[in-house]
Amino acid sequence: MAEEQKEMSFLGHLEELRWHLVRSFLAIFVLAFVFFIFAKEVYDNFLLAHIQPDFITYRLFCDFFNYLGMDSAFCTIDFADKKLQSIEVTSQLMNSIWSSLILGFIASFPYILWEIWRFIAPGLTKKEINSSRGFIFVASFLFFLGVLFSFYVIAPISIQFLYNYQITDAIENSFTLESHIGLVTNMLIGVSILFELPVLIYFLTKIGLITPEFLRRYRKHALVLVLIVAAVITPPDIASQVIVAIPILILYEISIIVSKRVIKNQQKNANKSPRV
């Protein structure tokens, strides 16, 4: 009888997980459908915004270097002859569908976190729930901070560099729609996930897999790993890699503080617990 109840409980958890996943995917698909309907506006104002010479980042960098009395390539950006190529019959349709799904995931990220929280919350104590109440807000804030950093800093710098990089005049740059959109969306997702580092360290510390001492001891190794990751998610130019690496290293230092605070709270709670 006990085994039957245990099996039913396990099957019940699977059924509950299934509905959480269904609602999460439904949210992604609904938002993706909205993005697909307004595909022209999404592409003109978001996904293709970086090939507009008056993009805000280019103007700010131009003004900044002018203020310093320095000439800058950001002041003479011209993408007039940089038309993206669609060389397959289904290219634009499939690209708009895939981009809509990615943007649907990004927009629904807080809701997905809420569904995850609803699934794991029944297994937590009241004290654990209260101490983790800000999880959705903090994780969502870091995620969208990564989206903004990628969109307004990493993507425009990378695109400006790559669109103007040329080995010789004998080679003409003619980029495809897939390569451009893939570059932008990969940056959005990759950098945003990297910005979740403090949240990941928080949970790894809670379950005892990570300690502040461990993070400090392997800080140099983390620096090398961050540079490798930055090289993977950014174009092969040092400036973009450094710009990505700096905030991640700052987040790593914040993660050490977060881990230290988790350990401190655990020790404090252990001292308060009654001894038998």
Protein backbone atom coordinates (compact mmCIF):
# COMPACT_ATOMS: atom_id res chain seq x y z
CA MET A 1 0.00 0.00 0.00
CA ALA A 2 2.84 2.34 0.89
CA GLU A 3 4.57 1.57 -2.40
CA GLU A 4 1.34 2.27 -4.28
CA GLN A 5 0.96 5.65 -2.53
CA LYS A 6 4.59 6.45 -3.27
CA GLU A 7 4.12 5.53 -6.94
CA MET A 8 0.95 7.61 -7.16
CA SER A 9 2.78 10.49 -5.52
CA PHE A 10 5.59 10.21 -8.08
CA LEU A 11 3.12 10.03 -10.96
CA GLY A 12 1.27 12.98 -9.48
CA HIS A 13 4.47 15.02 -9.46
CA LEU A 14 5.11 14.09 -13.08
CA GLU A 15 1.60 15.16 -14.02
CA GLU A 16 2.06 18.44 -12.17
CA LEU A 17 5.41 19.04 -13.87
CA ARG A 18 3.82 18.33 -17.24
CA TRP A 19 1.21 21.04 -16.74
CA HIS A 20 3.83 23.54 -15.60
CA LEU A 21 5.78 22.82 -18.78
CA VAL A 22 2.64 23.02 -20.91
CA ARG A 23 1.75 26.45 -19.50
CA SER A 24 5.34 27.66 -19.97
CA PHE A 25 5.47 26.55 -23.60
CA LEU A 26 2.01 28.00 -24.18
CA ALA A 27 3.23 31.40 -22.91
CA ILE A 28 6.22 31.21 -25.27
CA PHE A 29 4.04 30.29 -28.25
CA VAL A 30 1.45 33.00 -27.53
CA LEU A 31 4.10 35.72 -27.31
CA ALA A 32 5.91 34.26 -30.32
CA PHE A 33 2.65 34.50 -32.29
CA VAL A 34 2.37 38.18 -31.33
CA PHE A 35 5.96 38.83 -32.43
CA PHE A 36 5.31 36.96 -35.68
CA ILE A 37 2.24 39.11 -36.44
CA PHE A 38 4.30 42.27 -35.93
CA ALA A 39 7.40 40.82 -37.63
CA LYS A 40 8.06 43.92 -39.74
CA GLU A 41 8.08 46.22 -36.70
CA VAL A 42 10.17 43.72 -34.70
CA TYR A 43 12.79 43.43 -37.43
CA ASP A 44 12.93 47.15 -38.30
CA ASN A 45 13.04 48.39 -34.70
CA PHE A 46 14.84 45.57 -32.90
CA LEU A 47 16.56 42.75 -34.78
CA LEU A 48 17.85 44.98 -37.60
CA ALA A 49 18.22 48.14 -35.54
CA HIS A 50 22.02 47.78 -35.38
CA ILE A 51 22.46 48.34 -39.11
CA GLN A 52 20.90 51.78 -38.79
CA PRO A 53 23.66 54.44 -38.69
CA ASP A 54 21.63 56.54 -36.22
CA PHE A 55 21.35 53.73 -33.65
CA ILE A 56 21.60 55.27 -30.18
CA THR A 57 24.79 53.42 -29.20
CA TYR A 58 26.65 54.70 -32.26
CA ARG A 59 25.59 58.27 -31.52
CA LEU A 60 26.58 58.01 -27.86
CA PHE A 61 29.99 56.56 -28.69
CA CYS A 62 30.50 59.24 -31.33
CA ASP A 63 29.63 62.00 -28.85
CA PHE A 64 31.85 60.43 -26.20
CA PHE A 65 34.93 60.26 -28.42
CA ASN A 66 34.26 63.74 -29.76
CA TYR A 67 34.12 64.99 -26.18
CA LEU A 68 37.57 63.45 -25.66
CA GLY A 69 38.79 65.15 -28.84
CA MET A 70 39.29 61.85 -30.63
CA ASP A 71 38.13 60.69 -34.04
CA SER A 72 35.87 57.65 -34.03
CA ALA A 73 34.59 55.22 -36.65
CA PHE A 74 31.21 55.40 -34.87
CA CYS A 75 30.76 58.90 -36.32
CA THR A 76 31.08 57.74 -39.91
CA ILE A 77 29.04 54.53 -39.87
CA ASP A 78 27.32 53.79 -43.15
CA PHE A 79 25.34 50.61 -43.75
CA ALA A 80 23.67 51.89 -46.93
CA ASP A 81 25.31 49.24 -49.12
CA LYS A 82 25.07 46.47 -46.53
CA LYS A 83 21.87 44.76 -47.63
CA LEU A 84 21.19 41.36 -46.09
CA GLN A 85 20.74 38.48 -48.49
CA SER A 86 17.85 35.98 -48.44
CA ILE A 87 19.02 33.24 -50.77
CA GLU A 88 16.45 30.50 -50.08
CA VAL A 89 12.74 30.49 -50.84
CA THR A 90 11.71 29.76 -47.24
CA SER A 91 14.50 31.78 -45.65
CA GLN A 92 12.49 34.81 -44.52
CA LEU A 93 9.51 32.78 -43.30
CA MET A 94 11.59 30.31 -41.27
CA ASN A 95 13.77 33.08 -39.90
CA SER A 96 10.76 35.07 -38.71
CA ILE A 97 9.27 31.96 -37.05
CA TRP A 98 12.51 31.04 -35.28
CA SER A 99 13.21 34.64 -34.20
CA SER A 100 9.65 34.95 -32.87
CA LEU A 101 10.15 31.82 -30.74
CA ILE A 102 13.41 33.17 -29.31
CA LEU A 103 11.84 36.54 -28.52
CA GLY A 104 8.82 34.72 -27.08
CA PHE A 105 11.14 32.86 -24.70
CA ILE A 106 12.89 36.08 -23.68
CA ALA A 107 9.63 37.95 -23.07
CA SER A 108 8.06 35.08 -21.11
CA PHE A 109 11.14 34.40 -18.96
CA PRO A 110 9.61 35.80 -15.72
CA TYR A 111 6.49 33.67 -16.21
CA ILE A 112 8.63 30.56 -16.83
CA LEU A 113 10.48 31.27 -13.59
CA TRP A 114 7.14 31.64 -11.81
CA GLU A 115 6.02 28.25 -13.11
CA ILE A 116 9.30 26.71 -11.91
CA TRP A 117 8.79 28.34 -8.54
CA ARG A 118 5.23 27.03 -8.28
CA PHE A 119 6.52 23.51 -8.90
CA ILE A 120 9.31 23.53 -6.30
CA ALA A 121 7.61 25.71 -3.65
CA PRO A 122 5.46 22.91 -2.11
CA GLY A 123 8.64 21.02 -1.25
CA LEU A 124 10.14 23.96 0.66
CA THR A 125 9.65 24.95 4.26
CA LYS A 126 7.95 28.22 5.13
CA LYS A 127 11.31 29.65 6.16
CA GLU A 128 12.92 28.65 2.86
CA ILE A 129 10.03 30.17 0.93
CA ASN A 130 10.35 33.47 2.80
CA SER A 131 14.12 33.61 2.29
CA SER A 132 13.78 32.90 -1.44
CA ARG A 133 10.77 35.10 -2.11
CA GLY A 134 12.72 37.54 -4.28
CA PHE A 135 14.04 34.78 -6.57
CA ILE A 136 11.78 35.59 -9.53
CA PHE A 137 12.44 39.32 -9.34
CA VAL A 138 16.24 39.01 -8.99
CA ALA A 139 16.58 36.33 -11.68
CA SER A 140 14.34 38.27 -14.09
CA PHE A 141 16.18 41.52 -13.39
CA LEU A 142 19.57 39.94 -14.12
CA PHE A 143 18.22 38.25 -17.25
CA PHE A 144 16.79 41.45 -18.74
CA LEU A 145 19.88 43.37 -17.66
CA GLY A 146 21.82 40.91 -19.81
CA VAL A 147 19.38 41.48 -22.69
CA LEU A 148 19.84 45.25 -22.49
CA PHE A 149 23.63 44.99 -22.16
CA SER A 150 23.80 42.66 -25.14
CA PHE A 151 21.44 44.74 -27.30
CA TYR A 152 22.86 48.18 -26.57
CA VAL A 153 26.55 47.39 -26.04
CA ILE A 154 27.76 44.03 -27.33
CA ALA A 155 25.67 43.71 -30.50
CA PRO A 156 26.28 47.19 -31.96
CA ILE A 157 30.02 47.10 -31.29
CA SER A 158 30.31 43.62 -32.76
CA ILE A 159 28.19 44.40 -35.83
CA GLN A 160 30.04 47.65 -36.50
CA PHE A 161 33.34 45.76 -36.35
CA LEU A 162 32.28 42.74 -38.40
CA TYR A 163 30.44 44.69 -41.09
CA ASN A 164 33.50 46.85 -41.71
CA TYR A 165 36.18 44.20 -41.31
CA GLN A 166 37.78 43.34 -44.63
CA ILE A 167 40.98 41.46 -45.31
CA THR A 168 41.39 42.87 -48.80
CA ASP A 169 39.39 44.86 -51.34
CA ALA A 170 39.24 41.72 -53.46
CA ILE A 171 36.70 40.30 -50.98
CA GLU A 172 33.23 41.80 -50.74
CA ASN A 173 31.11 41.35 -47.61
CA SER A 174 27.62 40.11 -48.45
CA PHE A 175 25.91 38.77 -45.35
CA THR A 176 22.83 36.57 -45.19
CA LEU A 177 19.74 37.22 -43.11
CA GLU A 178 20.36 34.06 -41.08
CA SER A 179 23.92 35.04 -40.14
CA HIS A 180 22.89 38.50 -38.93
CA ILE A 181 19.82 37.42 -36.96
CA GLY A 182 21.72 34.42 -35.58
CA LEU A 183 24.47 36.72 -34.33
CA VAL A 184 22.02 39.04 -32.58
CA THR A 185 19.82 36.35 -31.02
CA ASN A 186 22.79 34.24 -29.87
CA MET A 187 24.20 37.28 -28.10
CA LEU A 188 20.86 38.08 -26.48
CA ILE A 189 20.40 34.55 -25.12
CA GLY A 190 24.05 33.85 -24.30
CA VAL A 191 24.82 37.05 -22.41
CA SER A 192 21.46 36.98 -20.58
CA ILE A 193 22.09 33.45 -19.30
CA LEU A 194 25.60 34.42 -18.20
CA PHE A 195 24.08 37.23 -16.16
CA GLU A 196 22.25 34.57 -14.10
CA LEU A 197 25.57 33.59 -12.47
CA PRO A 198 24.77 34.99 -8.98
CA VAL A 199 21.46 33.10 -8.93
CA LEU A 200 23.20 29.87 -9.93
CA ILE A 201 25.88 30.35 -7.27
CA TYR A 202 23.16 31.02 -4.67
CA PHE A 203 21.49 27.65 -5.25
CA LEU A 204 24.78 25.75 -5.58
CA THR A 205 25.85 27.20 -2.24
CA LYS A 206 22.49 26.31 -0.65
CA ILE A 207 22.94 22.64 -1.55
CA GLY A 208 26.58 22.62 -0.49
CA LEU A 209 28.32 22.26 -3.86
CA ILE A 210 29.99 25.69 -3.81
CA THR A 211 31.66 27.71 -1.04
CA PRO A 212 33.12 31.24 -0.98
CA GLU A 213 36.55 29.75 -0.40
CA PHE A 214 36.18 27.60 -3.51
CA LEU A 215 35.21 30.64 -5.61
CA ARG A 216 38.14 32.67 -4.30
CA ARG A 217 40.60 29.82 -4.80
CA TYR A 218 39.63 29.36 -8.44
CA ARG A 219 39.20 33.04 -9.31
CA LYS A 220 42.08 32.92 -11.82
CA HIS A 221 40.64 29.79 -13.42
CA ALA A 222 37.27 31.53 -13.62
CA LEU A 223 38.91 34.46 -15.42
CA VAL A 224 40.25 32.12 -18.11
CA LEU A 225 36.86 30.38 -18.40
CA VAL A 226 35.04 33.71 -18.70
CA LEU A 227 37.38 34.82 -21.49
CA ILE A 228 36.76 31.53 -23.31
CA VAL A 229 32.99 31.91 -22.96
CA ALA A 230 33.21 35.54 -24.09
CA ALA A 231 35.17 34.40 -27.15
CA VAL A 232 32.45 31.86 -27.97
CA ILE A 233 29.43 34.18 -27.73
CA THR A 234 31.07 37.24 -29.31
CA PRO A 235 32.82 37.90 -32.62
CA PRO A 236 36.59 37.37 -32.76
CA ASP A 237 37.55 40.90 -31.77
CA ILE A 238 39.27 41.62 -28.48
CA ALA A 239 37.17 44.70 -27.67
CA SER A 240 33.87 42.79 -27.67
CA GLN A 241 35.35 39.95 -25.62
CA VAL A 242 36.71 42.32 -22.99
CA ILE A 243 33.43 44.23 -22.82
CA VAL A 244 31.57 40.96 -22.23
CA ALA A 245 34.15 39.66 -19.76
CA ILE A 246 34.15 42.73 -17.47
CA PRO A 247 30.50 42.55 -16.31
CA ILE A 248 30.73 38.76 -15.96
CA LEU A 249 33.79 39.13 -13.73
CA ILE A 250 31.89 41.72 -11.68
CA LEU A 251 29.02 39.24 -11.38
CA TYR A 252 31.54 36.61 -10.29
CA GLU A 253 32.71 38.86 -7.46
CA ILE A 254 29.07 39.50 -6.53
CA SER A 255 28.53 35.73 -6.54
CA ILE A 256 31.31 35.35 -3.96
CA ILE A 257 29.49 37.84 -1.72
CA VAL A 258 26.20 35.99 -2.28
CA SER A 259 27.80 32.64 -1.44
CA LYS A 260 29.40 34.09 1.67
CA ARG A 261 26.06 35.46 2.83
CA VAL A 262 24.31 32.12 2.27
CA ILE A 263 26.94 30.31 4.34
CA LYS A 264 26.66 32.94 7.07
CA ASN A 265 22.87 32.57 7.22
CA GLN A 266 23.14 28.78 7.33
CA GLN A 267 25.60 28.95 10.23
CA LYS A 268 23.38 31.46 12.01
CA ASN A 269 20.33 29.23 11.62
CA ALA A 270 22.31 26.20 12.78
CA ASN A 271 23.33 28.01 15.96
CA LYS A 272 19.73 28.98 16.63
CA SER A 273 18.37 25.47 16.20
CA PRO A 274 17.76 23.65 19.53
CA ARG A 275 20.33 21.05 20.53
CA VAL A 276 19.22 17.61 21.62
